[in-house]
N, C-alpha and C. Protein backbone atom coordinates (compact mmCIF):
# COMPACT_ATOMS: atom_id res chain seq x y z
N MET A 1 107.60 12.06 194.55
CA MET A 1 108.11 12.06 195.88
C MET A 1 109.55 12.69 195.84
N ALA A 2 109.75 13.52 196.81
CA ALA A 2 111.07 14.20 196.87
C ALA A 2 112.16 13.19 197.15
N LYS A 3 113.25 13.38 196.48
CA LYS A 3 114.41 12.44 196.70
C LYS A 3 115.07 12.79 197.99
N ARG A 4 115.68 11.84 198.64
CA ARG A 4 116.35 12.06 199.89
C ARG A 4 117.77 12.60 199.67
N PRO A 5 118.14 13.49 200.59
CA PRO A 5 119.51 14.08 200.53
C PRO A 5 120.54 13.00 200.85
N LEU A 6 121.69 13.05 200.19
CA LEU A 6 122.80 12.19 200.60
C LEU A 6 123.57 12.84 201.68
N ASN A 7 123.81 12.13 202.78
CA ASN A 7 124.56 12.69 203.96
C ASN A 7 123.95 13.97 204.44
N ASN A 8 122.63 14.05 204.41
CA ASN A 8 121.90 15.20 204.96
C ASN A 8 122.35 16.55 204.30
N ASP A 9 122.49 16.51 202.95
CA ASP A 9 122.95 17.62 202.13
C ASP A 9 121.97 18.83 202.24
N LYS A 10 122.46 19.96 202.70
CA LYS A 10 121.60 21.09 202.96
C LYS A 10 121.03 21.64 201.62
N SER A 11 121.71 21.45 200.50
CA SER A 11 121.22 21.95 199.25
C SER A 11 119.92 21.24 198.74
N PHE A 12 119.58 20.18 199.44
CA PHE A 12 118.30 19.47 199.15
C PHE A 12 117.08 20.27 199.52
N PHE A 13 117.21 21.24 200.41
CA PHE A 13 116.08 22.03 200.95
C PHE A 13 116.08 23.43 200.32
N ASN A 14 114.95 23.96 200.09
CA ASN A 14 114.84 25.33 199.46
C ASN A 14 114.96 26.46 200.52
N ASP A 15 114.83 26.14 201.74
CA ASP A 15 114.93 27.16 202.80
C ASP A 15 116.01 26.79 203.77
N GLU A 16 116.91 27.81 203.97
CA GLU A 16 118.12 27.57 204.82
C GLU A 16 117.82 27.11 206.18
N LYS A 17 116.73 27.78 206.81
CA LYS A 17 116.35 27.36 208.20
C LYS A 17 115.83 25.96 208.20
N VAL A 18 115.08 25.51 207.22
CA VAL A 18 114.60 24.17 207.15
C VAL A 18 115.83 23.25 207.01
N ALA A 19 116.73 23.57 206.11
CA ALA A 19 118.00 22.76 205.93
C ALA A 19 118.69 22.58 207.29
N ASN A 20 118.82 23.73 208.00
CA ASN A 20 119.53 23.62 209.27
C ASN A 20 118.76 22.77 210.30
N TYR A 21 117.41 22.81 210.25
CA TYR A 21 116.64 21.99 211.21
C TYR A 21 116.92 20.46 210.84
N PHE A 22 116.83 20.08 209.62
CA PHE A 22 117.04 18.69 209.32
C PHE A 22 118.51 18.27 209.45
N HIS A 23 119.40 19.23 209.21
CA HIS A 23 120.85 18.88 209.35
C HIS A 23 121.16 18.53 210.80
N GLN A 24 120.46 19.03 211.77
CA GLN A 24 120.80 18.72 213.14
C GLN A 24 120.23 17.32 213.57
N LEU A 25 119.46 16.75 212.72
CA LEU A 25 118.86 15.39 213.03
C LEU A 25 119.82 14.33 212.55
N SER A 26 119.71 13.12 213.08
CA SER A 26 120.50 12.00 212.54
C SER A 26 119.70 10.71 212.78
N GLY A 27 120.26 9.57 212.20
CA GLY A 27 119.71 8.30 212.45
C GLY A 27 118.21 8.22 212.17
N PHE A 28 117.48 7.46 213.03
CA PHE A 28 116.06 7.24 212.85
C PHE A 28 115.26 8.56 212.89
N GLN A 29 115.66 9.59 213.65
CA GLN A 29 114.89 10.83 213.61
C GLN A 29 114.90 11.43 212.25
N LEU A 30 116.11 11.46 211.62
CA LEU A 30 116.27 12.03 210.28
C LEU A 30 115.48 11.22 209.26
N SER A 31 115.69 9.91 209.30
CA SER A 31 115.01 9.06 208.23
C SER A 31 113.48 9.09 208.34
N GLU A 32 112.93 9.11 209.61
CA GLU A 32 111.56 9.15 209.72
C GLU A 32 110.93 10.57 209.43
N MET A 33 111.68 11.64 209.85
CA MET A 33 111.19 12.97 209.45
C MET A 33 111.17 13.10 207.98
N LEU A 34 112.19 12.66 207.28
CA LEU A 34 112.24 12.80 205.81
C LEU A 34 111.13 11.93 205.15
N ALA A 35 110.82 10.78 205.71
CA ALA A 35 109.77 9.95 205.15
C ALA A 35 108.38 10.68 205.21
N ILE A 36 108.13 11.34 206.37
CA ILE A 36 106.90 12.06 206.58
C ILE A 36 106.91 13.33 205.70
N ARG A 37 108.04 13.96 205.60
CA ARG A 37 108.22 15.10 204.69
C ARG A 37 107.88 14.71 203.30
N ASP A 38 108.35 13.55 202.81
CA ASP A 38 108.13 13.09 201.48
C ASP A 38 106.60 12.97 201.23
N VAL A 39 105.90 12.40 202.21
CA VAL A 39 104.42 12.22 202.00
C VAL A 39 103.76 13.57 201.97
N ILE A 40 104.11 14.55 202.80
CA ILE A 40 103.56 15.86 202.82
C ILE A 40 103.80 16.55 201.46
N LEU A 41 105.07 16.47 200.96
CA LEU A 41 105.42 17.23 199.77
C LEU A 41 104.70 16.49 198.51
N LYS A 42 104.48 15.21 198.62
CA LYS A 42 103.76 14.55 197.56
C LYS A 42 102.35 15.01 197.46
N LEU A 43 101.70 15.21 198.62
CA LEU A 43 100.29 15.65 198.78
C LEU A 43 100.15 17.15 198.52
N LEU A 44 101.21 17.92 198.78
CA LEU A 44 101.20 19.36 198.60
C LEU A 44 102.46 19.78 197.80
N PRO A 45 102.49 19.40 196.50
CA PRO A 45 103.63 19.68 195.69
C PRO A 45 104.01 21.12 195.56
N ASN A 46 103.11 22.05 195.80
CA ASN A 46 103.36 23.46 195.67
C ASN A 46 103.55 24.19 196.98
N ALA A 47 103.65 23.34 198.11
CA ALA A 47 103.80 23.93 199.38
C ALA A 47 105.10 24.70 199.55
N VAL A 48 105.05 25.74 200.34
CA VAL A 48 106.23 26.42 200.77
C VAL A 48 106.67 25.91 202.08
N GLU A 49 107.96 25.42 202.14
CA GLU A 49 108.47 24.87 203.33
C GLU A 49 109.27 25.98 204.09
N SER A 50 108.92 26.13 205.37
CA SER A 50 109.62 27.19 206.18
C SER A 50 109.60 26.67 207.62
N ILE A 51 110.28 27.48 208.49
CA ILE A 51 110.25 27.22 209.93
C ILE A 51 109.27 28.15 210.57
N LYS A 52 108.32 27.58 211.28
CA LYS A 52 107.40 28.32 212.12
C LYS A 52 107.24 27.61 213.43
N TYR A 53 107.23 28.27 214.51
CA TYR A 53 107.11 27.66 215.84
C TYR A 53 108.28 26.64 216.02
N GLN A 54 109.41 26.88 215.45
CA GLN A 54 110.67 26.09 215.60
C GLN A 54 110.51 24.70 214.94
N MET A 55 109.63 24.52 213.92
CA MET A 55 109.44 23.25 213.17
C MET A 55 109.23 23.49 211.76
N PRO A 56 109.66 22.48 210.89
CA PRO A 56 109.25 22.61 209.50
C PRO A 56 107.77 22.70 209.30
N THR A 57 107.39 23.70 208.53
CA THR A 57 105.94 23.96 208.31
C THR A 57 105.73 24.05 206.80
N TYR A 58 104.53 23.56 206.37
CA TYR A 58 104.19 23.47 204.99
C TYR A 58 102.94 24.32 204.78
N SER A 59 103.11 25.37 203.90
CA SER A 59 101.99 26.35 203.65
C SER A 59 101.62 26.42 202.21
N ILE A 60 100.37 26.75 202.07
CA ILE A 60 99.80 26.97 200.69
C ILE A 60 99.19 28.38 200.75
N GLY A 61 99.49 29.21 199.77
CA GLY A 61 98.96 30.55 199.67
C GLY A 61 99.18 31.35 201.00
N GLY A 62 100.29 31.08 201.65
CA GLY A 62 100.63 31.83 202.89
C GLY A 62 99.89 31.29 204.14
N LYS A 63 99.13 30.25 203.92
CA LYS A 63 98.41 29.64 205.05
C LYS A 63 99.02 28.33 205.45
N ALA A 64 99.44 28.23 206.73
CA ALA A 64 100.06 26.98 207.19
C ALA A 64 99.07 25.80 207.17
N VAL A 65 99.50 24.71 206.55
CA VAL A 65 98.65 23.48 206.47
C VAL A 65 99.06 22.58 207.65
N CYS A 66 100.42 22.40 207.78
CA CYS A 66 100.86 21.46 208.88
C CYS A 66 102.32 21.73 209.15
N GLY A 67 102.73 21.22 210.32
CA GLY A 67 104.10 21.22 210.71
C GLY A 67 104.50 19.91 211.34
N ILE A 68 105.81 19.58 211.26
CA ILE A 68 106.26 18.34 211.87
C ILE A 68 107.46 18.67 212.78
N LEU A 69 107.55 17.93 213.82
CA LEU A 69 108.60 18.19 214.83
C LEU A 69 109.17 16.85 215.37
N ALA A 70 110.50 16.73 215.27
CA ALA A 70 111.17 15.47 215.87
C ALA A 70 111.20 15.69 217.36
N ASN A 71 110.62 14.78 218.06
CA ASN A 71 110.72 14.75 219.56
C ASN A 71 111.52 13.54 220.03
N LYS A 72 111.68 13.40 221.31
CA LYS A 72 112.49 12.31 221.78
C LYS A 72 111.93 10.95 221.46
N LYS A 73 110.60 10.77 221.56
CA LYS A 73 109.98 9.43 221.37
C LYS A 73 109.03 9.37 220.20
N HIS A 74 108.79 10.48 219.53
CA HIS A 74 107.79 10.48 218.43
C HIS A 74 108.02 11.70 217.54
N ILE A 75 107.36 11.71 216.46
CA ILE A 75 107.26 12.88 215.56
C ILE A 75 105.92 13.51 215.82
N GLY A 76 105.95 14.76 216.09
CA GLY A 76 104.67 15.55 216.31
C GLY A 76 104.22 15.99 214.96
N TYR A 77 103.00 15.77 214.64
CA TYR A 77 102.33 16.29 213.46
C TYR A 77 101.34 17.43 213.96
N TYR A 78 101.48 18.64 213.50
CA TYR A 78 100.74 19.73 213.95
C TYR A 78 99.85 20.36 212.83
N PRO A 79 98.55 20.15 212.87
CA PRO A 79 97.67 20.72 211.84
C PRO A 79 97.37 22.22 211.99
N TYR A 80 97.98 22.87 212.95
CA TYR A 80 97.72 24.31 213.23
C TYR A 80 96.28 24.60 213.31
N SER A 81 95.50 23.73 213.88
CA SER A 81 94.05 23.95 214.22
C SER A 81 93.64 22.89 215.21
N GLY A 82 93.00 23.33 216.27
CA GLY A 82 92.55 22.41 217.32
C GLY A 82 91.43 21.53 216.88
N SER A 83 90.68 21.93 215.86
CA SER A 83 89.51 21.13 215.47
C SER A 83 89.86 19.98 214.49
N ILE A 84 91.02 20.01 213.79
CA ILE A 84 91.25 19.02 212.76
C ILE A 84 91.36 17.65 213.30
N LEU A 85 92.12 17.45 214.34
CA LEU A 85 92.37 16.12 214.92
C LEU A 85 91.03 15.58 215.47
N SER A 86 90.24 16.40 216.15
CA SER A 86 88.99 15.93 216.74
C SER A 86 87.97 15.45 215.68
N GLU A 87 88.17 15.84 214.46
CA GLU A 87 87.33 15.36 213.36
C GLU A 87 87.86 14.13 212.68
N LEU A 88 88.97 13.55 213.13
CA LEU A 88 89.58 12.44 212.45
C LEU A 88 89.70 11.29 213.44
N PRO A 89 88.63 10.47 213.67
CA PRO A 89 88.75 9.38 214.65
C PRO A 89 89.77 8.33 214.24
N GLU A 90 90.11 8.16 212.96
CA GLU A 90 91.13 7.22 212.55
C GLU A 90 92.49 7.59 213.15
N ILE A 91 92.67 8.82 213.53
CA ILE A 91 93.83 9.35 214.17
C ILE A 91 93.71 9.27 215.71
N THR A 92 92.66 9.90 216.21
CA THR A 92 92.50 10.01 217.71
C THR A 92 92.27 8.63 218.39
N GLN A 93 91.76 7.62 217.65
CA GLN A 93 91.53 6.32 218.21
C GLN A 93 92.77 5.40 218.13
N ASN A 94 93.72 5.76 217.25
CA ASN A 94 94.88 4.86 217.05
C ASN A 94 96.23 5.48 217.41
N TYR A 95 96.28 6.76 217.78
CA TYR A 95 97.46 7.43 218.12
C TYR A 95 97.32 8.31 219.35
N THR A 96 98.38 8.63 220.02
CA THR A 96 98.31 9.58 221.12
C THR A 96 98.16 10.93 220.48
N THR A 97 97.22 11.71 221.02
CA THR A 97 97.07 13.13 220.47
C THR A 97 96.96 14.03 221.67
N THR A 98 97.16 15.31 221.37
CA THR A 98 96.88 16.42 222.30
C THR A 98 95.90 17.29 221.51
N PRO A 99 95.35 18.33 222.05
CA PRO A 99 94.55 19.24 221.27
C PRO A 99 95.26 19.87 220.10
N ALA A 100 96.55 19.93 220.16
CA ALA A 100 97.27 20.62 219.07
C ALA A 100 98.11 19.62 218.15
N ALA A 101 98.32 18.40 218.62
CA ALA A 101 99.31 17.60 217.90
C ALA A 101 98.88 16.08 217.90
N TRP A 102 99.44 15.44 217.01
CA TRP A 102 99.29 13.96 216.79
C TRP A 102 100.66 13.37 216.97
N HIS A 103 100.89 12.37 217.76
CA HIS A 103 102.18 11.78 218.06
C HIS A 103 102.35 10.55 217.15
N ILE A 104 103.31 10.54 216.30
CA ILE A 104 103.60 9.41 215.43
C ILE A 104 104.85 8.71 215.98
N PRO A 105 104.71 7.52 216.57
CA PRO A 105 105.84 6.99 217.25
C PRO A 105 106.93 6.51 216.30
N TYR A 106 108.19 6.66 216.70
CA TYR A 106 109.29 6.15 215.93
C TYR A 106 109.13 4.67 215.71
N GLY A 107 109.50 4.22 214.53
CA GLY A 107 109.35 2.76 214.30
C GLY A 107 108.06 2.30 213.67
N ALA A 108 107.08 3.17 213.76
CA ALA A 108 105.75 2.83 213.19
C ALA A 108 105.84 3.13 211.69
N ALA A 109 104.97 2.40 210.94
CA ALA A 109 104.83 2.73 209.48
C ALA A 109 104.42 4.12 209.30
N VAL A 110 104.85 4.76 208.25
CA VAL A 110 104.50 6.15 207.91
C VAL A 110 103.01 6.12 207.66
N PRO A 111 102.23 6.85 208.41
CA PRO A 111 100.78 6.84 208.26
C PRO A 111 100.24 7.71 207.13
N SER A 112 100.60 7.33 205.91
CA SER A 112 100.30 8.13 204.72
C SER A 112 98.80 8.47 204.58
N LYS A 113 97.91 7.46 204.81
CA LYS A 113 96.51 7.59 204.65
C LYS A 113 96.02 8.64 205.67
N GLU A 114 96.48 8.56 206.87
CA GLU A 114 96.11 9.51 207.92
C GLU A 114 96.59 10.94 207.69
N ILE A 115 97.84 11.03 207.17
CA ILE A 115 98.39 12.33 206.86
C ILE A 115 97.55 12.92 205.74
N LYS A 116 97.20 12.18 204.70
CA LYS A 116 96.36 12.64 203.64
C LYS A 116 94.95 13.11 204.16
N ALA A 117 94.37 12.33 205.09
CA ALA A 117 93.11 12.80 205.63
C ALA A 117 93.23 14.09 206.40
N ALA A 118 94.29 14.23 207.17
CA ALA A 118 94.43 15.47 207.91
C ALA A 118 94.74 16.62 207.00
N ILE A 119 95.57 16.44 205.93
CA ILE A 119 95.85 17.55 205.00
C ILE A 119 94.52 17.91 204.23
N ASP A 120 93.84 16.88 203.77
CA ASP A 120 92.60 17.16 203.01
C ASP A 120 91.62 17.97 203.82
N LEU A 121 91.42 17.59 205.11
CA LEU A 121 90.56 18.30 206.03
C LEU A 121 90.97 19.73 206.30
N LYS A 122 92.31 19.87 206.47
CA LYS A 122 92.85 21.29 206.70
C LYS A 122 92.60 22.11 205.53
N LEU A 123 92.86 21.59 204.25
CA LEU A 123 92.61 22.30 203.09
C LEU A 123 91.18 22.73 202.92
N LYS A 124 90.28 21.84 203.30
CA LYS A 124 88.80 22.12 203.25
C LYS A 124 88.55 23.30 204.28
N HIS A 125 89.08 23.20 205.49
CA HIS A 125 88.87 24.26 206.47
C HIS A 125 89.39 25.60 205.96
N LEU A 126 90.51 25.55 205.27
CA LEU A 126 91.16 26.82 204.71
C LEU A 126 90.50 27.28 203.44
N LYS A 127 89.62 26.37 202.92
CA LYS A 127 88.93 26.69 201.65
C LYS A 127 89.91 26.85 200.50
N LEU A 128 90.89 25.86 200.48
CA LEU A 128 91.92 25.82 199.37
C LEU A 128 91.66 24.64 198.53
């Protein structure tokens, strides 16, 4: 699991744009985004982290697997595929979703099992 930066240290991130994104967060938004980032990086240790569509995005072999975005009331998890969430009833039945995103409310436990399911399915779709 990736260690957390002290005082939101930009050197913790490999990409300057990602560092800038996280640096503008604070409090619960920062801590919860970092917790979800930790889960993603544990599941995708070779992922390249970059900014796409104005959010941290995690890619394998140049193909985006997922993105996360701090919103006012939740963290948006974006699988970059409209079919991924519809195939995961454990997410659609327990969380607010849109065709493109899954809303993880602030204060909820980090949904590691569901993140793993979404990533595993996306990797299967990408044939990775």
